[in-house]
Amino acid sequence: MGDLTGTGRSDLDGRVDDAFELIDRIAKSDRARQSIIRHAFRFFMGRNEMLSDSQTLIAADDAYVTSGGSFKAVIVSLLTSDSFMYRKQTPPRTVSRRP
């Protein structure tokens, strides 16, 4: 037993009886969904999002919602976005070696 607080949504906050109820409530959170999409963006783009990527993130979120929760739809949306198609190649990192 425990309490979920601070979500900013009265339908999510409140007493939870077990971990499964907690998972169900978090799964309904817009914030949790957007966080997962943002982390997918960072993984596939290899960088943090910028203001210019806002349309890509909105489109990925819309793809998830309209597909009924398909993560595959998010990935397709990200990999067909301008943010991915026109990304700049970053130079490889060099590792300095100390004697």
N, C-alpha and C. Protein backbone atom coordinates (compact mmCIF):
# COMPACT_ATOMS: atom_id res chain seq x y z
N MET A 1 0.83 -1.18 0.00
CA MET A 1 0.00 0.00 0.00
C MET A 1 0.87 1.24 0.00
N GLY A 2 0.34 2.27 -0.58
CA GLY A 2 1.06 3.52 -0.63
C GLY A 2 0.19 4.59 -1.26
N ASP A 3 0.81 5.74 -1.53
CA ASP A 3 0.12 6.87 -2.12
C ASP A 3 0.90 7.36 -3.33
N LEU A 4 0.17 7.71 -4.37
CA LEU A 4 0.73 8.36 -5.53
C LEU A 4 0.34 9.82 -5.43
N THR A 5 1.33 10.70 -5.37
CA THR A 5 1.07 12.13 -5.22
C THR A 5 1.95 12.93 -6.18
N GLY A 6 1.53 14.15 -6.44
CA GLY A 6 2.34 15.08 -7.21
C GLY A 6 2.25 14.93 -8.71
N THR A 7 1.27 14.20 -9.21
CA THR A 7 1.16 14.04 -10.66
C THR A 7 0.50 15.24 -11.32
N GLY A 8 -0.21 16.02 -10.52
CA GLY A 8 -0.94 17.15 -11.08
C GLY A 8 -2.29 16.77 -11.63
N ARG A 9 -2.65 15.50 -11.48
CA ARG A 9 -3.96 15.03 -11.97
C ARG A 9 -4.67 14.32 -10.83
N SER A 10 -5.85 14.79 -10.51
CA SER A 10 -6.60 14.22 -9.39
C SER A 10 -7.04 12.79 -9.66
N ASP A 11 -7.20 12.42 -10.92
CA ASP A 11 -7.61 11.05 -11.23
C ASP A 11 -6.45 10.05 -11.09
N LEU A 12 -5.21 10.55 -11.01
CA LEU A 12 -4.06 9.67 -10.81
C LEU A 12 -3.59 9.64 -9.37
N ASP A 13 -3.62 10.79 -8.72
CA ASP A 13 -3.17 10.85 -7.32
C ASP A 13 -4.11 10.06 -6.42
N GLY A 14 -3.54 9.53 -5.37
CA GLY A 14 -4.36 8.83 -4.37
C GLY A 14 -3.73 7.54 -3.91
N ARG A 15 -4.47 6.86 -3.10
CA ARG A 15 -4.03 5.60 -2.49
C ARG A 15 -3.93 4.50 -3.54
N VAL A 16 -2.85 3.71 -3.49
CA VAL A 16 -2.70 2.53 -4.35
C VAL A 16 -2.51 1.31 -3.45
N ASP A 17 -3.15 0.22 -3.83
CA ASP A 17 -3.11 -0.99 -3.02
C ASP A 17 -1.89 -1.86 -3.29
N ASP A 18 -1.39 -1.84 -4.53
CA ASP A 18 -0.25 -2.69 -4.85
C ASP A 18 0.49 -2.14 -6.06
N ALA A 19 1.57 -2.81 -6.45
CA ALA A 19 2.40 -2.36 -7.56
C ALA A 19 1.63 -2.36 -8.88
N PHE A 20 0.72 -3.31 -9.06
CA PHE A 20 -0.05 -3.37 -10.31
C PHE A 20 -0.96 -2.16 -10.46
N GLU A 21 -1.57 -1.74 -9.38
CA GLU A 21 -2.41 -0.54 -9.44
C GLU A 21 -1.56 0.69 -9.73
N LEU A 22 -0.37 0.75 -9.15
CA LEU A 22 0.55 1.86 -9.41
C LEU A 22 0.94 1.90 -10.89
N ILE A 23 1.27 0.75 -11.44
CA ILE A 23 1.64 0.66 -12.86
C ILE A 23 0.48 1.12 -13.74
N ASP A 24 -0.72 0.66 -13.43
CA ASP A 24 -1.89 1.06 -14.21
C ASP A 24 -2.11 2.56 -14.19
N ARG A 25 -1.93 3.16 -13.04
CA ARG A 25 -2.13 4.62 -12.95
C ARG A 25 -1.06 5.37 -13.71
N ILE A 26 0.19 4.95 -13.56
CA ILE A 26 1.28 5.63 -14.26
C ILE A 26 1.10 5.49 -15.77
N ALA A 27 0.63 4.33 -16.22
CA ALA A 27 0.42 4.10 -17.65
C ALA A 27 -0.60 5.06 -18.24
N LYS A 28 -1.50 5.58 -17.42
CA LYS A 28 -2.52 6.53 -17.89
C LYS A 28 -2.02 7.97 -17.92
N SER A 29 -0.81 8.19 -17.45
CA SER A 29 -0.27 9.54 -17.33
C SER A 29 0.29 10.05 -18.65
N ASP A 30 -0.15 11.24 -19.05
CA ASP A 30 0.41 11.88 -20.25
C ASP A 30 1.90 12.13 -20.07
N ARG A 31 2.29 12.51 -18.88
CA ARG A 31 3.68 12.82 -18.59
C ARG A 31 4.57 11.59 -18.77
N ALA A 32 4.11 10.43 -18.31
CA ALA A 32 4.89 9.19 -18.46
C ALA A 32 5.02 8.83 -19.93
N ARG A 33 3.92 8.93 -20.68
CA ARG A 33 3.94 8.62 -22.11
C ARG A 33 4.91 9.54 -22.84
N GLN A 34 4.84 10.82 -22.57
CA GLN A 34 5.72 11.77 -23.24
C GLN A 34 7.18 11.57 -22.85
N SER A 35 7.42 11.14 -21.64
CA SER A 35 8.79 10.86 -21.20
C SER A 35 9.38 9.68 -21.96
N ILE A 36 8.58 8.64 -22.15
CA ILE A 36 9.05 7.47 -22.90
C ILE A 36 9.34 7.85 -24.35
N ILE A 37 8.48 8.66 -24.93
CA ILE A 37 8.69 9.11 -26.32
C ILE A 37 9.94 9.96 -26.41
N ARG A 38 10.16 10.83 -25.44
CA ARG A 38 11.36 11.67 -25.42
C ARG A 38 12.62 10.82 -25.32
N HIS A 39 12.59 9.78 -24.50
CA HIS A 39 13.76 8.90 -24.36
C HIS A 39 13.99 8.08 -25.63
N ALA A 40 12.92 7.68 -26.30
CA ALA A 40 13.07 6.99 -27.59
C ALA A 40 13.71 7.93 -28.60
N PHE A 41 13.27 9.19 -28.61
CA PHE A 41 13.86 10.20 -29.49
C PHE A 41 15.36 10.29 -29.24
N ARG A 42 15.75 10.41 -27.99
CA ARG A 42 17.17 10.55 -27.64
C ARG A 42 17.98 9.34 -28.08
N PHE A 43 17.40 8.16 -27.91
CA PHE A 43 18.11 6.94 -28.30
C PHE A 43 18.31 6.88 -29.81
N PHE A 44 17.26 7.08 -30.58
CA PHE A 44 17.36 6.94 -32.02
C PHE A 44 18.07 8.10 -32.70
N MET A 45 18.00 9.29 -32.12
CA MET A 45 18.68 10.44 -32.71
C MET A 45 20.11 10.57 -32.21
N GLY A 46 20.40 9.96 -31.07
CA GLY A 46 21.75 10.04 -30.51
C GLY A 46 22.06 11.39 -29.90
N ARG A 47 21.02 12.11 -29.52
CA ARG A 47 21.19 13.44 -28.92
C ARG A 47 19.93 13.83 -28.16
N ASN A 48 20.04 14.89 -27.38
CA ASN A 48 18.87 15.42 -26.70
C ASN A 48 18.03 16.22 -27.70
N GLU A 49 16.77 16.36 -27.37
CA GLU A 49 15.87 17.12 -28.22
C GLU A 49 16.14 18.61 -28.10
N MET A 50 15.82 19.32 -29.18
CA MET A 50 15.94 20.78 -29.21
C MET A 50 14.57 21.34 -29.54
N LEU A 51 14.42 22.64 -29.41
CA LEU A 51 13.15 23.29 -29.71
C LEU A 51 12.71 22.99 -31.15
N SER A 52 13.66 22.91 -32.06
CA SER A 52 13.34 22.64 -33.46
C SER A 52 12.79 21.23 -33.68
N ASP A 53 12.91 20.36 -32.68
CA ASP A 53 12.39 18.99 -32.78
C ASP A 53 10.97 18.85 -32.24
N SER A 54 10.35 19.95 -31.87
CA SER A 54 9.04 19.87 -31.23
C SER A 54 8.00 19.20 -32.12
N GLN A 55 8.01 19.48 -33.41
CA GLN A 55 7.03 18.85 -34.31
C GLN A 55 7.26 17.34 -34.42
N THR A 56 8.51 16.92 -34.37
CA THR A 56 8.83 15.49 -34.40
C THR A 56 8.28 14.80 -33.16
N LEU A 57 8.45 15.42 -32.00
CA LEU A 57 7.95 14.84 -30.76
C LEU A 57 6.43 14.82 -30.71
N ILE A 58 5.81 15.87 -31.20
CA ILE A 58 4.34 15.92 -31.26
C ILE A 58 3.82 14.83 -32.19
N ALA A 59 4.46 14.67 -33.35
CA ALA A 59 4.03 13.65 -34.31
C ALA A 59 4.21 12.24 -33.73
N ALA A 60 5.30 12.01 -33.00
CA ALA A 60 5.53 10.70 -32.39
C ALA A 60 4.48 10.42 -31.32
N ASP A 61 4.14 11.43 -30.55
CA ASP A 61 3.09 11.28 -29.53
C ASP A 61 1.74 11.00 -30.18
N ASP A 62 1.43 11.74 -31.23
CA ASP A 62 0.18 11.51 -31.97
C ASP A 62 0.13 10.10 -32.56
N ALA A 63 1.26 9.63 -33.08
CA ALA A 63 1.32 8.28 -33.65
C ALA A 63 1.03 7.24 -32.58
N TYR A 64 1.57 7.44 -31.40
CA TYR A 64 1.32 6.50 -30.30
C TYR A 64 -0.15 6.49 -29.92
N VAL A 65 -0.72 7.66 -29.74
CA VAL A 65 -2.12 7.77 -29.30
C VAL A 65 -3.08 7.23 -30.35
N THR A 66 -2.89 7.63 -31.61
CA THR A 66 -3.83 7.21 -32.65
C THR A 66 -3.71 5.74 -33.01
N SER A 67 -2.55 5.14 -32.70
CA SER A 67 -2.36 3.71 -33.00
C SER A 67 -2.85 2.83 -31.85
N GLY A 68 -3.36 3.44 -30.81
CA GLY A 68 -3.82 2.66 -29.67
C GLY A 68 -2.70 2.22 -28.75
N GLY A 69 -1.56 2.90 -28.82
CA GLY A 69 -0.46 2.60 -27.91
C GLY A 69 0.64 1.75 -28.52
N SER A 70 0.83 1.85 -29.83
CA SER A 70 1.87 1.06 -30.50
C SER A 70 3.21 1.77 -30.42
N PHE A 71 4.19 1.12 -29.77
CA PHE A 71 5.53 1.69 -29.73
C PHE A 71 6.17 1.63 -31.11
N LYS A 72 5.78 0.64 -31.91
CA LYS A 72 6.26 0.55 -33.29
C LYS A 72 5.88 1.80 -34.07
N ALA A 73 4.68 2.32 -33.84
CA ALA A 73 4.24 3.54 -34.52
C ALA A 73 5.12 4.73 -34.12
N VAL A 74 5.55 4.76 -32.87
CA VAL A 74 6.45 5.82 -32.40
C VAL A 74 7.77 5.74 -33.16
N ILE A 75 8.32 4.53 -33.25
CA ILE A 75 9.62 4.36 -33.92
C ILE A 75 9.52 4.73 -35.40
N VAL A 76 8.47 4.28 -36.06
CA VAL A 76 8.28 4.63 -37.48
C VAL A 76 8.18 6.15 -37.62
N SER A 77 7.43 6.78 -36.74
CA SER A 77 7.28 8.24 -36.78
C SER A 77 8.63 8.94 -36.59
N LEU A 78 9.42 8.47 -35.64
CA LEU A 78 10.73 9.08 -35.39
C LEU A 78 11.68 8.88 -36.57
N LEU A 79 11.71 7.66 -37.10
CA LEU A 79 12.69 7.35 -38.15
C LEU A 79 12.30 7.88 -39.52
N THR A 80 11.10 8.41 -39.65
CA THR A 80 10.69 9.05 -40.91
C THR A 80 10.56 10.56 -40.76
N SER A 81 10.97 11.08 -39.62
CA SER A 81 10.85 12.51 -39.34
C SER A 81 12.01 13.30 -39.96
N ASP A 82 11.80 14.59 -40.13
CA ASP A 82 12.87 15.47 -40.60
C ASP A 82 14.04 15.47 -39.61
N SER A 83 13.75 15.36 -38.33
CA SER A 83 14.81 15.35 -37.33
C SER A 83 15.78 14.19 -37.55
N PHE A 84 15.25 13.06 -38.03
CA PHE A 84 16.11 11.91 -38.31
C PHE A 84 16.70 11.98 -39.72
N MET A 85 15.86 12.28 -40.68
CA MET A 85 16.30 12.25 -42.08
C MET A 85 17.38 13.30 -42.38
N TYR A 86 17.32 14.43 -41.71
CA TYR A 86 18.25 15.52 -41.99
C TYR A 86 19.18 15.81 -40.81
N ARG A 87 19.45 14.79 -40.01
CA ARG A 87 20.32 14.99 -38.86
C ARG A 87 21.76 15.19 -39.33
N LYS A 88 22.51 15.89 -38.51
CA LYS A 88 23.91 16.14 -38.81
C LYS A 88 24.74 15.03 -38.19
N GLN A 89 25.74 14.63 -38.93
CA GLN A 89 26.63 13.61 -38.39
C GLN A 89 27.56 14.26 -37.38
N THR A 90 27.70 13.62 -36.25
CA THR A 90 28.59 14.15 -35.23
C THR A 90 29.95 13.48 -35.37
N PRO A 91 31.01 14.24 -35.14
CA PRO A 91 32.33 13.64 -35.26
C PRO A 91 32.53 12.58 -34.17
N PRO A 92 33.31 11.56 -34.46
CA PRO A 92 33.54 10.52 -33.44
C PRO A 92 34.30 11.09 -32.25
N ARG A 93 34.01 10.54 -31.10
CA ARG A 93 34.71 10.98 -29.90
C ARG A 93 36.10 10.39 -29.88
N THR A 94 37.03 11.20 -29.41
CA THR A 94 38.40 10.68 -29.24
C THR A 94 38.62 10.43 -27.77
N VAL A 95 39.31 9.38 -27.49
CA VAL A 95 39.61 9.03 -26.12
C VAL A 95 41.06 9.38 -25.86
N SER A 96 41.26 10.22 -24.88
CA SER A 96 42.65 10.58 -24.56
C SER A 96 43.23 9.50 -23.66
N ARG A 97 44.44 9.15 -23.96
CA ARG A 97 45.11 8.11 -23.18
C ARG A 97 46.23 8.76 -22.38
N ARG A 98 46.23 8.43 -21.13
CA ARG A 98 47.30 8.97 -20.27
C ARG A 98 48.38 7.92 -20.14
N PRO A 99 49.60 8.40 -20.16
CA PRO A 99 50.73 7.42 -20.03
C PRO A 99 50.79 6.76 -18.68
